[in-house]
Amino acid sequence: MVAMASFLRYRVVVTTVLIAMMVTTEAFKEQDWKDAHATFYGDESGVADDMGGACGYSNMNAIGFGTNTAALSTPLFNDGKGCGGCYEIRCTGSRFCRPGASSIVVTGTNLCPPNWAEDSNNGGWCNPPRVHFDMAMPAWLSFGQYEGGIVPVMYRRVPCKRSGGIKFKLSGNAYWLLVYILNVGGPGDVCGMWVKGDNTEWISMSQNFGAVWQAFANLGGQGLSFKLTACSSEETVLSNNVADPNWGTGLIYEATNNLGY
């Protein structure tokens, strides 16, 4: 996987046609508060959380997530469909909660892997069906004390606030298009994706892993349009002419539209 920083230097912004279609449900809304637990990993710089992971993200600062990120336990990760979703979290019921601390909104960017040994490093907290957030240390320290290690929290899904349009990081080759989905607003998550070349019909893409989708088709030398559907809201957004016919791998192309607005 090529580090995000290497191709952010070649960021390409291409004008798209904005066509947003709402289907079957209303736009994503904040959900009710629920119980969970949280831990932290990495150090105060958040560098350890800047290394990519099960969602396919890397260089969290460069792609706009910063250090307000968390690895999600299996129920929230949902085989990668939970990547990019946003959660408001507040510390509750522990002497290790920082007095007067407010809640924080984090983005799900990785998997907190299950470990079936209850005496393991994570104490089994990420084992299904438990809901757990393993947070980057800077996010954790906004409401929890370092000595706490693990605290009970309340959480709820909230809309993701993103600046700009959906970003498509292209990889693979002309016959195997691999797309990393970044900067998704509103629900933040993606459950379905399609690509259309100038000379093709819409082609259904399959999930490679996390927020990475693929299509096996000859798309070289064609302009590319994308369509994606969110998991949480079933909202569908169509971005035409995102990449020009000279598109290349290792580049990020940004649409002018996004989910949630």
Protein backbone atom coordinates (compact mmCIF):
# COMPACT_ATOMS: atom_id res chain seq x y z
CA MET A 1 0.00 0.00 0.00
CA VAL A 2 1.38 3.38 -0.98
CA ALA A 3 1.48 5.89 1.87
CA MET A 4 -1.20 8.57 1.55
CA ALA A 5 1.36 11.34 1.89
CA SER A 6 3.15 10.22 -1.26
CA PHE A 7 0.17 10.83 -3.50
CA LEU A 8 -1.37 13.76 -1.69
CA ARG A 9 1.43 15.70 -3.34
CA TYR A 10 -0.26 14.85 -6.65
CA ARG A 11 -3.81 15.57 -5.52
CA VAL A 12 -6.09 16.21 -8.46
CA VAL A 13 -9.34 18.10 -8.09
CA VAL A 14 -11.81 17.51 -10.91
CA THR A 15 -15.21 19.18 -11.31
CA THR A 16 -18.10 16.76 -11.14
CA VAL A 17 -21.80 16.89 -11.79
CA LEU A 18 -23.71 16.80 -8.52
CA ILE A 19 -26.66 14.48 -8.53
CA ALA A 20 -27.83 13.32 -5.09
CA MET A 21 -30.63 10.78 -4.80
CA MET A 22 -32.36 9.95 -1.53
CA VAL A 23 -33.71 6.39 -1.49
CA THR A 24 -36.03 4.46 0.82
CA THR A 25 -35.04 6.26 4.04
CA GLU A 26 -34.61 9.79 5.29
CA ALA A 27 -31.16 11.31 5.73
CA PHE A 28 -28.93 9.95 8.46
CA LYS A 29 -29.70 11.24 11.94
CA GLU A 30 -28.05 11.08 15.34
CA GLN A 31 -28.96 7.92 17.23
CA ASP A 32 -29.80 7.27 20.86
CA TRP A 33 -27.04 6.91 23.45
CA LYS A 34 -25.88 3.34 24.18
CA ASP A 35 -23.42 1.69 26.57
CA ALA A 36 -19.91 0.60 25.61
CA HIS A 37 -16.33 0.66 26.89
CA ALA A 38 -13.19 2.35 25.61
CA THR A 39 -9.44 1.90 25.80
CA PHE A 40 -6.56 3.64 24.02
CA TYR A 41 -3.46 2.75 22.06
CA GLY A 42 -0.44 4.56 20.67
CA ASP A 43 1.11 7.62 22.26
CA GLU A 44 0.22 11.27 22.75
CA SER A 45 1.36 12.15 19.22
CA GLY A 46 -1.18 9.80 17.69
CA VAL A 47 1.51 8.54 15.29
CA ALA A 48 0.71 4.90 15.99
CA ASP A 49 -2.82 5.54 14.73
CA ASP A 50 -1.40 7.09 11.56
CA MET A 51 -0.23 3.81 10.09
CA GLY A 52 -3.31 2.58 8.25
CA GLY A 53 -5.12 -0.62 9.13
CA ALA A 54 -8.15 -2.75 8.41
CA CYS A 55 -10.04 0.12 6.73
CA GLY A 56 -7.23 0.93 4.30
CA TYR A 57 -6.69 4.46 5.55
CA SER A 58 -3.23 5.91 6.19
CA ASN A 59 -1.84 9.26 7.29
CA MET A 60 -4.94 10.26 9.24
CA ASN A 61 -3.87 13.90 9.46
CA ALA A 62 -3.43 14.21 5.71
CA ILE A 63 -6.88 12.81 4.91
CA GLY A 64 -8.61 14.99 7.48
CA PHE A 65 -9.36 12.57 10.32
CA GLY A 66 -6.63 13.89 12.59
CA THR A 67 -6.24 11.99 15.87
CA ASN A 68 -9.95 11.79 16.68
CA THR A 69 -10.06 8.18 15.56
CA ALA A 70 -10.82 4.76 17.02
CA ALA A 71 -10.52 1.09 16.16
CA LEU A 72 -13.96 -0.52 16.35
CA SER A 73 -14.92 -3.87 17.83
CA THR A 74 -16.44 -6.42 15.47
CA PRO A 75 -20.14 -5.41 15.78
CA LEU A 76 -19.36 -1.81 14.79
CA PHE A 77 -16.66 -2.68 12.25
CA ASN A 78 -19.18 -4.87 10.40
CA ASP A 79 -16.71 -6.50 8.00
CA GLY A 80 -15.39 -3.08 7.01
CA LYS A 81 -18.80 -1.55 6.33
CA GLY A 82 -18.36 0.54 9.50
CA CYS A 83 -15.23 2.26 8.22
CA GLY A 84 -15.65 6.02 8.09
CA GLY A 85 -18.63 6.15 10.45
CA CYS A 86 -18.63 8.82 13.18
CA TYR A 87 -19.40 8.33 16.86
CA GLU A 88 -19.91 10.76 19.69
CA ILE A 89 -18.43 9.30 22.88
CA ARG A 90 -18.52 10.48 26.47
CA CYS A 91 -16.88 8.99 29.54
CA THR A 92 -19.32 7.98 32.27
CA GLY A 93 -19.36 6.20 35.62
CA SER A 94 -15.63 5.97 36.22
CA ARG A 95 -13.25 7.75 38.57
CA PHE A 96 -10.91 7.94 35.59
CA CYS A 97 -13.20 10.24 33.63
CA ARG A 98 -11.75 13.74 33.44
CA PRO A 99 -13.91 16.09 35.53
CA GLY A 100 -15.91 18.43 33.35
CA ALA A 101 -14.74 16.84 30.10
CA SER A 102 -17.13 17.09 27.18
CA SER A 103 -17.92 14.40 24.63
CA ILE A 104 -15.75 13.83 21.56
CA VAL A 105 -16.59 12.75 18.01
CA VAL A 106 -14.32 10.09 16.52
CA THR A 107 -14.16 8.34 13.15
CA GLY A 108 -13.95 4.57 12.91
CA THR A 109 -10.70 3.90 11.06
CA ASN A 110 -9.59 0.40 12.07
CA LEU A 111 -10.62 -2.93 13.59
CA CYS A 112 -10.08 -3.73 17.25
CA PRO A 113 -9.45 -7.45 16.69
CA PRO A 114 -11.19 -10.06 18.83
CA ASN A 115 -9.01 -12.03 21.19
CA TRP A 116 -10.83 -14.90 22.77
CA ALA A 117 -8.47 -15.18 25.74
CA GLU A 118 -10.06 -13.11 28.49
CA ASP A 119 -6.66 -12.56 30.10
CA SER A 120 -5.14 -11.26 26.85
CA ASN A 121 -3.78 -7.77 26.33
CA ASN A 122 -7.19 -6.33 25.50
CA GLY A 123 -8.92 -8.39 28.16
CA GLY A 124 -11.37 -9.72 25.59
CA TRP A 125 -13.06 -6.31 25.40
CA CYS A 126 -13.14 -6.43 21.60
CA ASN A 127 -14.74 -9.87 21.50
CA PRO A 128 -18.22 -10.07 19.98
CA PRO A 129 -20.84 -9.08 20.91
CA ARG A 130 -19.17 -6.36 22.97
CA VAL A 131 -19.17 -2.81 21.63
CA HIS A 132 -15.79 -1.27 22.23
CA PHE A 133 -13.69 1.68 21.04
CA ASP A 134 -9.89 1.43 21.06
CA MET A 135 -9.08 5.11 20.69
CA ALA A 136 -6.01 7.03 19.61
CA MET A 137 -4.45 8.38 22.79
CA PRO A 138 -5.08 12.10 22.03
CA ALA A 139 -8.79 11.36 21.62
CA TRP A 140 -8.86 9.31 24.81
CA LEU A 141 -7.07 11.95 26.84
CA SER A 142 -9.76 14.48 25.95
CA PHE A 143 -12.09 12.77 28.44
CA GLY A 144 -10.20 9.93 30.17
CA GLN A 145 -7.17 9.84 32.40
CA TYR A 146 -4.09 7.93 31.30
CA GLU A 147 -4.15 5.74 34.40
CA GLY A 148 -7.64 4.50 33.63
CA GLY A 149 -6.77 2.03 30.94
CA ILE A 150 -10.39 1.18 30.29
CA VAL A 151 -13.54 3.13 31.10
CA PRO A 152 -17.29 2.75 30.56
CA VAL A 153 -18.62 5.16 27.95
CA MET A 154 -21.85 6.19 26.30
CA TYR A 155 -21.85 6.46 22.52
CA ARG A 156 -24.12 7.28 19.61
CA ARG A 157 -23.78 7.46 15.84
CA VAL A 158 -23.70 11.01 14.53
CA PRO A 159 -23.37 12.53 11.05
CA CYS A 160 -19.80 13.01 9.85
CA LYS A 161 -18.86 16.61 9.12
CA ARG A 162 -16.43 16.67 6.21
CA SER A 163 -14.98 19.52 4.21
CA GLY A 164 -15.28 19.21 0.45
CA GLY A 165 -16.38 16.29 -1.66
CA ILE A 166 -15.87 12.55 -1.54
CA LYS A 167 -12.31 11.61 -2.44
CA PHE A 168 -11.35 8.63 -4.58
CA LYS A 169 -7.80 7.33 -4.30
CA LEU A 170 -7.04 5.19 -7.35
CA SER A 171 -4.79 2.17 -7.33
CA GLY A 172 -4.45 -1.10 -9.25
CA ASN A 173 -4.15 -0.83 -13.03
CA ALA A 174 -6.20 -0.29 -16.21
CA TYR A 175 -7.78 -3.76 -15.90
CA TRP A 176 -8.13 -3.91 -12.12
CA LEU A 177 -9.32 -0.68 -10.59
CA LEU A 178 -8.81 -0.42 -6.84
CA VAL A 179 -10.45 2.59 -5.16
CA TYR A 180 -9.92 3.85 -1.62
CA ILE A 181 -12.96 5.86 -0.47
CA LEU A 182 -12.10 8.90 1.65
CA ASN A 183 -13.79 11.94 3.18
CA VAL A 184 -17.36 10.59 3.10
CA GLY A 185 -19.78 12.93 4.87
CA GLY A 186 -23.11 12.25 6.57
CA PRO A 187 -23.32 8.56 7.43
CA GLY A 188 -19.65 8.16 6.50
CA ASP A 189 -19.95 4.48 5.64
CA VAL A 190 -20.23 2.78 2.24
CA CYS A 191 -22.16 -0.43 1.48
CA GLY A 192 -22.26 -0.38 -2.30
CA MET A 193 -20.26 1.17 -5.12
CA TRP A 194 -20.30 1.34 -8.93
CA VAL A 195 -17.98 2.79 -11.57
CA LYS A 196 -18.75 3.90 -15.12
CA GLY A 197 -16.23 4.56 -17.85
CA ASP A 198 -16.90 6.81 -20.83
CA ASN A 199 -17.46 3.68 -22.95
CA THR A 200 -19.10 1.36 -20.43
CA GLU A 201 -22.34 0.94 -18.55
CA TRP A 202 -22.36 1.03 -14.75
CA ILE A 203 -20.12 -1.70 -13.33
CA SER A 204 -20.79 -3.05 -9.84
CA MET A 205 -17.71 -2.97 -7.63
CA SER A 206 -16.93 -5.44 -4.86
CA GLN A 207 -15.40 -4.69 -1.48
CA ASN A 208 -11.74 -5.64 -1.39
CA PHE A 209 -11.38 -4.82 2.30
CA GLY A 210 -12.47 -2.02 4.61
CA ALA A 211 -13.11 1.17 2.63
CA VAL A 212 -11.41 -0.23 -0.48
CA TRP A 213 -13.49 -1.29 -3.49
CA GLN A 214 -12.50 -2.94 -6.77
CA ALA A 215 -13.68 -3.53 -10.33
CA PHE A 216 -12.26 -6.01 -12.82
CA ALA A 217 -12.72 -4.22 -16.14
CA ASN A 218 -10.73 -2.45 -18.84
CA LEU A 219 -11.13 1.18 -17.81
CA GLY A 220 -7.84 2.56 -19.06
CA GLY A 221 -8.09 5.72 -21.16
CA GLN A 222 -11.66 6.43 -20.07
CA GLY A 223 -13.06 9.13 -17.84
CA LEU A 224 -14.53 7.69 -14.65
CA SER A 225 -17.77 8.36 -12.79
CA PHE A 226 -18.70 6.81 -9.46
CA LYS A 227 -21.88 5.99 -7.59
CA LEU A 228 -22.02 4.84 -3.98
CA THR A 229 -24.62 3.99 -1.38
CA ALA A 230 -24.27 4.50 2.38
CA CYS A 231 -25.00 1.69 4.83
CA SER A 232 -26.65 3.73 7.56
CA SER A 233 -28.98 5.88 5.51
CA GLU A 234 -29.25 4.03 2.18
CA GLU A 235 -28.52 7.42 0.64
CA THR A 236 -27.05 7.19 -2.86
CA VAL A 237 -24.83 9.80 -4.44
CA LEU A 238 -23.70 9.97 -8.07
CA SER A 239 -20.55 11.84 -9.06
CA ASN A 240 -20.04 12.17 -12.80
CA ASN A 241 -16.71 12.79 -14.52
CA VAL A 242 -14.64 12.47 -11.37
CA ALA A 243 -11.45 11.39 -13.17
CA ASP A 244 -10.42 12.38 -16.69
CA PRO A 245 -9.34 9.83 -19.32
CA ASN A 246 -5.69 10.32 -18.34
CA TRP A 247 -6.29 9.23 -14.75
CA GLY A 248 -3.46 7.48 -13.03
CA THR A 249 -2.90 5.26 -10.04
CA GLY A 250 -1.48 6.86 -6.94
CA LEU A 251 -3.68 9.94 -7.39
CA ILE A 252 -6.61 11.31 -5.39
CA TYR A 253 -9.59 12.72 -7.29
CA GLU A 254 -12.16 14.79 -5.43
CA ALA A 255 -15.84 15.13 -6.33
CA THR A 256 -17.75 18.33 -5.75
CA ASN A 257 -20.55 16.46 -3.97
CA ASN A 258 -20.80 14.38 -0.84
CA LEU A 259 -23.24 12.42 1.27
CA GLY A 260 -25.16 14.21 3.97
CA TYR A 261 -25.49 17.57 2.22
